[in-house]
Amino acid sequence: MVGLGTIINVIAVIIGATIGILLHKFIPSRLQNTVMSGIGLAVCFVGISGVISKMLVAESGGFSTKDTMLMIASLVIGAFVGELLNIEKFLERFGDFCKGHIKFNKENSRFTEGFVSASLLFCVGAMAIVGSLEDGLRGDYTTLFAKSLMDGTVAIFFAATMGAGVYLSILPVAIYQGAITLLAGVVKPLLSDALIGQLSLVGSVLIFAIGLNMCAKTKIKTGNLLPAVLVPVFYNIIINIF
């Protein structure tokens, strides 16, 4: 069944968030902050490992880097476009709107933070792209199943510390992965292994930024950096044309 991988992913996030909400009542706020810092550190190292695996190349007994300038250009161009569109503000307004219409969450000060953080983390990364393509082209949801296990686990800790806003992250996950799955036949020819690696590289930098916001309380507008992920796509299109 095409699309089953995304359905499983959504269900995993819902189950994880539900477990987290149940645990939320038993975790004091002081412990919640410490747990969130720990999760943030883990997310940072996931991002760092992703960057290293895509940037470092073993050559002649040593290491060199690749796609460094593309990564920098992607972040600069992505920041410019993201600030013009003010994507993060849109996400926050959507989160605040939903918070205002869900009665039992009006006192949850981290509702919007939970929605934005979980949405970005679940959607940024190569597994979402590769898994959705495999699901759409071959009906193979193995990669998305593995992603679902990870997302569901993360959702437990996110919901336990930030509340029910994590539930809303199923919307961008369903739309983003579902769209790639449905358009897999069109998108696949454009995605070479090199391009997927570049997408993963930029996505890993954003994952690191998300973790930094969580553990170091920085104010990096990760949502406004989202267009950076698309820059390698346009770069490869231009390279292929010329």
Protein backbone atom coordinates (compact mmCIF):
# COMPACT_ATOMS: atom_id res chain seq x y z
CA MET A 1 0.00 0.00 0.00
CA VAL A 2 1.54 3.29 -1.14
CA GLY A 3 1.66 5.83 1.67
CA LEU A 4 1.64 3.24 4.44
CA GLY A 5 5.05 4.44 5.66
CA THR A 6 3.78 7.97 6.34
CA ILE A 7 0.65 6.61 8.02
CA ILE A 8 2.81 4.49 10.34
CA ASN A 9 5.01 7.53 11.01
CA VAL A 10 2.00 9.65 11.99
CA ILE A 11 0.61 6.91 14.24
CA ALA A 12 4.02 6.49 15.92
CA VAL A 13 4.18 10.22 16.73
CA ILE A 14 0.63 10.15 18.12
CA ILE A 15 1.41 7.13 20.34
CA GLY A 16 4.71 8.65 21.48
CA ALA A 17 3.12 12.02 22.24
CA THR A 18 0.31 10.33 24.18
CA ILE A 19 2.80 8.43 26.35
CA GLY A 20 4.70 11.69 26.88
CA ILE A 21 1.55 13.55 27.92
CA LEU A 22 0.77 10.84 30.49
CA LEU A 23 4.32 11.09 31.85
CA HIS A 24 4.20 14.91 31.83
CA LYS A 25 2.03 14.98 34.95
CA PHE A 26 4.63 13.11 36.98
CA ILE A 27 7.73 15.06 35.95
CA PRO A 28 8.48 18.23 37.98
CA SER A 29 9.33 21.35 35.97
CA ARG A 30 12.93 21.37 37.24
CA LEU A 31 13.46 17.84 35.93
CA GLN A 32 11.70 18.72 32.66
CA ASN A 33 14.28 21.43 31.97
CA THR A 34 17.17 19.07 32.67
CA VAL A 35 15.66 16.35 30.47
CA MET A 36 15.12 18.86 27.66
CA SER A 37 18.77 19.93 27.88
CA GLY A 38 19.82 16.29 27.65
CA ILE A 39 17.61 15.69 24.62
CA GLY A 40 19.00 18.85 23.06
CA LEU A 41 22.55 17.56 23.47
CA ALA A 42 21.56 14.26 21.85
CA VAL A 43 19.95 16.11 18.92
CA CYS A 44 23.11 18.22 18.55
CA PHE A 45 25.27 15.13 18.22
CA VAL A 46 22.86 13.57 15.73
CA GLY A 47 23.25 16.72 13.62
CA ILE A 48 27.04 16.76 14.04
CA SER A 49 27.37 13.10 13.04
CA GLY A 50 25.21 13.76 9.96
CA VAL A 51 27.38 16.70 8.91
CA ILE A 52 30.63 14.80 9.45
CA SER A 53 29.43 11.73 7.54
CA LYS A 54 28.52 13.86 4.50
CA MET A 55 31.40 16.38 4.57
CA LEU A 56 34.45 14.29 5.42
CA VAL A 57 36.11 12.22 2.70
CA ALA A 58 39.02 9.84 3.32
CA GLU A 59 41.87 10.60 0.91
CA SER A 60 45.48 9.33 0.90
CA GLY A 61 45.49 8.38 4.54
CA GLY A 62 43.89 11.66 5.59
CA PHE A 63 40.61 13.52 5.41
CA SER A 64 39.29 16.32 3.23
CA THR A 65 35.93 18.05 3.10
CA LYS A 66 33.41 18.42 0.31
CA ASP A 67 30.37 20.63 -0.37
CA THR A 68 31.50 23.14 2.25
CA MET A 69 30.81 26.19 0.07
CA LEU A 70 27.47 24.74 -1.02
CA MET A 71 26.49 24.31 2.63
CA ILE A 72 27.45 27.90 3.44
CA ALA A 73 25.67 29.26 0.35
CA SER A 74 22.58 27.19 1.19
CA LEU A 75 22.37 28.60 4.71
CA VAL A 76 22.89 32.20 3.53
CA ILE A 77 20.36 31.99 0.69
CA GLY A 78 17.96 29.98 2.85
CA ALA A 79 18.16 32.55 5.64
CA PHE A 80 17.47 35.38 3.19
CA VAL A 81 14.42 33.65 1.68
CA GLY A 82 13.20 32.39 5.05
CA GLU A 83 13.35 35.85 6.60
CA LEU A 84 11.44 37.32 3.67
CA LEU A 85 8.73 34.69 4.07
CA ASN A 86 9.06 34.69 7.89
CA ILE A 87 8.34 30.96 8.01
CA GLU A 88 9.02 30.62 11.73
CA LYS A 89 6.52 33.36 12.55
CA PHE A 90 3.90 31.57 10.47
CA LEU A 91 4.56 28.31 12.35
CA GLU A 92 4.36 30.11 15.69
CA ARG A 93 1.10 31.83 14.75
CA PHE A 94 -0.38 28.53 13.64
CA GLY A 95 0.72 26.95 16.93
CA ASP A 96 -0.71 29.84 18.94
CA PHE A 97 -3.97 29.65 16.98
CA CYS A 98 -4.34 25.94 17.72
CA LYS A 99 -3.38 26.47 21.34
CA GLY A 100 -6.13 29.07 21.70
CA HIS A 101 -8.70 26.64 20.32
CA ILE A 102 -7.72 23.63 22.40
CA LYS A 103 -9.18 24.32 25.81
CA PHE A 104 -7.04 22.09 28.01
CA ASN A 105 -3.81 23.46 26.52
CA LYS A 106 -4.30 27.17 27.17
CA GLU A 107 -2.10 27.02 30.24
CA ASN A 108 0.68 25.18 28.41
CA SER A 109 3.30 27.86 27.77
CA ARG A 110 5.44 25.50 25.65
CA PHE A 111 2.65 24.29 23.36
CA THR A 112 3.87 26.26 20.33
CA GLU A 113 7.52 25.45 21.06
CA GLY A 114 6.66 21.75 21.10
CA PHE A 115 4.87 22.00 17.76
CA VAL A 116 7.63 23.95 16.00
CA SER A 117 10.55 21.95 17.41
CA ALA A 118 8.98 18.55 16.74
CA SER A 119 7.81 19.52 13.24
CA LEU A 120 11.25 20.73 12.18
CA LEU A 121 13.06 17.73 13.67
CA PHE A 122 10.69 15.15 12.14
CA CYS A 123 10.72 16.71 8.65
CA VAL A 124 14.38 17.73 8.28
CA GLY A 125 16.66 14.87 7.27
CA ALA A 126 17.41 12.40 4.51
CA MET A 127 15.27 9.57 5.94
CA ALA A 128 12.07 11.53 5.32
CA ILE A 129 13.01 12.06 1.66
CA VAL A 130 14.53 8.66 0.88
CA GLY A 131 11.88 6.77 2.83
CA SER A 132 9.03 8.60 1.12
CA LEU A 133 10.55 7.93 -2.31
CA GLU A 134 10.91 4.23 -1.56
CA ASP A 135 7.33 4.13 -0.34
CA GLY A 136 6.03 5.89 -3.44
CA LEU A 137 8.08 3.98 -6.02
CA ARG A 138 8.17 0.45 -4.60
CA GLY A 139 5.73 0.42 -1.72
CA ASP A 140 8.74 -0.22 0.53
CA TYR A 141 8.20 1.49 3.88
CA THR A 142 11.22 -0.02 5.67
CA THR A 143 13.07 3.30 5.98
CA LEU A 144 9.98 5.17 7.14
CA PHE A 145 9.26 2.40 9.63
CA ALA A 146 12.72 2.89 11.15
CA LYS A 147 12.13 6.66 11.15
CA SER A 148 8.77 6.08 12.84
CA LEU A 149 10.42 4.24 15.72
CA MET A 150 12.85 7.11 16.23
CA ASP A 151 10.20 9.83 15.85
CA GLY A 152 7.85 8.04 18.23
CA THR A 153 10.59 7.78 20.85
CA VAL A 154 11.53 11.44 20.48
CA ALA A 155 7.83 12.39 20.67
CA ILE A 156 7.62 10.79 24.12
CA PHE A 157 10.32 13.06 25.55
CA PHE A 158 9.17 16.14 23.63
CA ALA A 159 5.58 15.76 24.83
CA ALA A 160 6.70 14.96 28.39
CA THR A 161 8.60 18.25 28.57
CA MET A 162 6.73 20.56 26.17
CA GLY A 163 3.21 19.20 26.18
CA ALA A 164 0.54 18.47 23.60
CA GLY A 165 1.87 20.80 20.90
CA VAL A 166 3.87 17.79 19.68
CA TYR A 167 0.62 16.27 18.39
CA LEU A 168 0.37 19.04 15.78
CA SER A 169 3.66 17.94 14.21
CA ILE A 170 1.77 15.12 12.49
CA LEU A 171 0.35 17.71 10.06
CA PRO A 172 3.65 18.78 8.44
CA VAL A 173 4.91 15.18 8.59
CA ALA A 174 1.82 13.91 6.76
CA ILE A 175 1.85 16.74 4.18
CA TYR A 176 5.63 16.71 3.54
CA GLN A 177 6.20 12.97 3.35
CA GLY A 178 2.84 12.33 1.73
CA ALA A 179 3.59 14.80 -1.06
CA ILE A 180 6.99 13.23 -1.78
CA THR A 181 5.41 9.77 -1.82
CA LEU A 182 2.66 10.79 -4.24
CA LEU A 183 5.11 12.66 -6.50
CA ALA A 184 7.87 10.03 -6.22
CA GLY A 185 7.77 9.17 -9.91
CA VAL A 186 8.32 12.83 -10.82
CA VAL A 187 10.87 13.62 -8.10
CA LYS A 188 13.05 10.50 -8.27
CA PRO A 189 14.86 11.33 -11.56
CA LEU A 190 15.94 14.67 -10.06
CA LEU A 191 17.44 13.14 -6.93
CA SER A 192 20.88 11.66 -7.49
CA ASP A 193 22.88 10.09 -4.66
CA ALA A 194 25.07 13.22 -4.59
CA LEU A 195 22.03 15.49 -4.23
CA ILE A 196 20.53 13.36 -1.46
CA GLY A 197 23.88 13.61 0.35
CA GLN A 198 23.85 17.40 -0.02
CA LEU A 199 20.27 17.60 1.25
CA SER A 200 21.25 15.45 4.22
CA LEU A 201 24.27 17.69 4.90
CA VAL A 202 22.20 20.89 5.05
CA GLY A 203 19.45 19.12 6.97
CA SER A 204 21.96 17.88 9.55
CA VAL A 205 23.14 21.46 10.13
CA LEU A 206 19.54 22.45 10.84
CA ILE A 207 19.14 19.48 13.19
CA PHE A 208 22.21 20.72 15.09
CA ALA A 209 20.62 24.19 15.30
CA ILE A 210 17.42 22.67 16.71
CA GLY A 211 19.43 20.84 19.38
CA LEU A 212 21.36 24.01 20.19
CA ASN A 213 18.10 25.89 20.75
CA MET A 214 16.92 23.14 23.07
CA CYS A 215 19.99 22.75 25.28
CA ALA A 216 21.68 26.15 25.09
CA LYS A 217 18.47 28.21 24.90
CA THR A 218 19.73 30.01 21.78
CA LYS A 219 17.30 31.80 19.49
CA ILE A 220 18.32 30.49 16.09
CA LYS A 221 15.29 30.83 13.79
CA THR A 222 15.53 27.31 12.41
CA GLY A 223 12.18 27.65 10.68
CA ASN A 224 13.49 30.59 8.67
CA LEU A 225 16.45 28.46 7.60
CA LEU A 226 14.24 25.75 6.08
CA PRO A 227 14.58 27.06 2.48
CA ALA A 228 18.30 26.21 2.77
CA VAL A 229 17.36 22.56 2.20
CA LEU A 230 16.07 23.41 -1.29
CA VAL A 231 19.20 25.29 -2.43
CA PRO A 232 21.14 22.10 -3.38
CA VAL A 233 18.20 21.11 -5.60
CA PHE A 234 18.40 24.33 -7.62
CA TYR A 235 22.20 24.15 -7.62
CA ASN A 236 22.12 20.69 -9.22
CA ILE A 237 19.50 21.77 -11.76
CA ILE A 238 21.70 24.69 -12.83
CA ILE A 239 24.82 22.45 -12.98
CA ASN A 240 23.00 19.91 -15.16
CA ILE A 241 21.77 22.62 -17.53
CA PHE A 242 25.16 24.21 -18.04
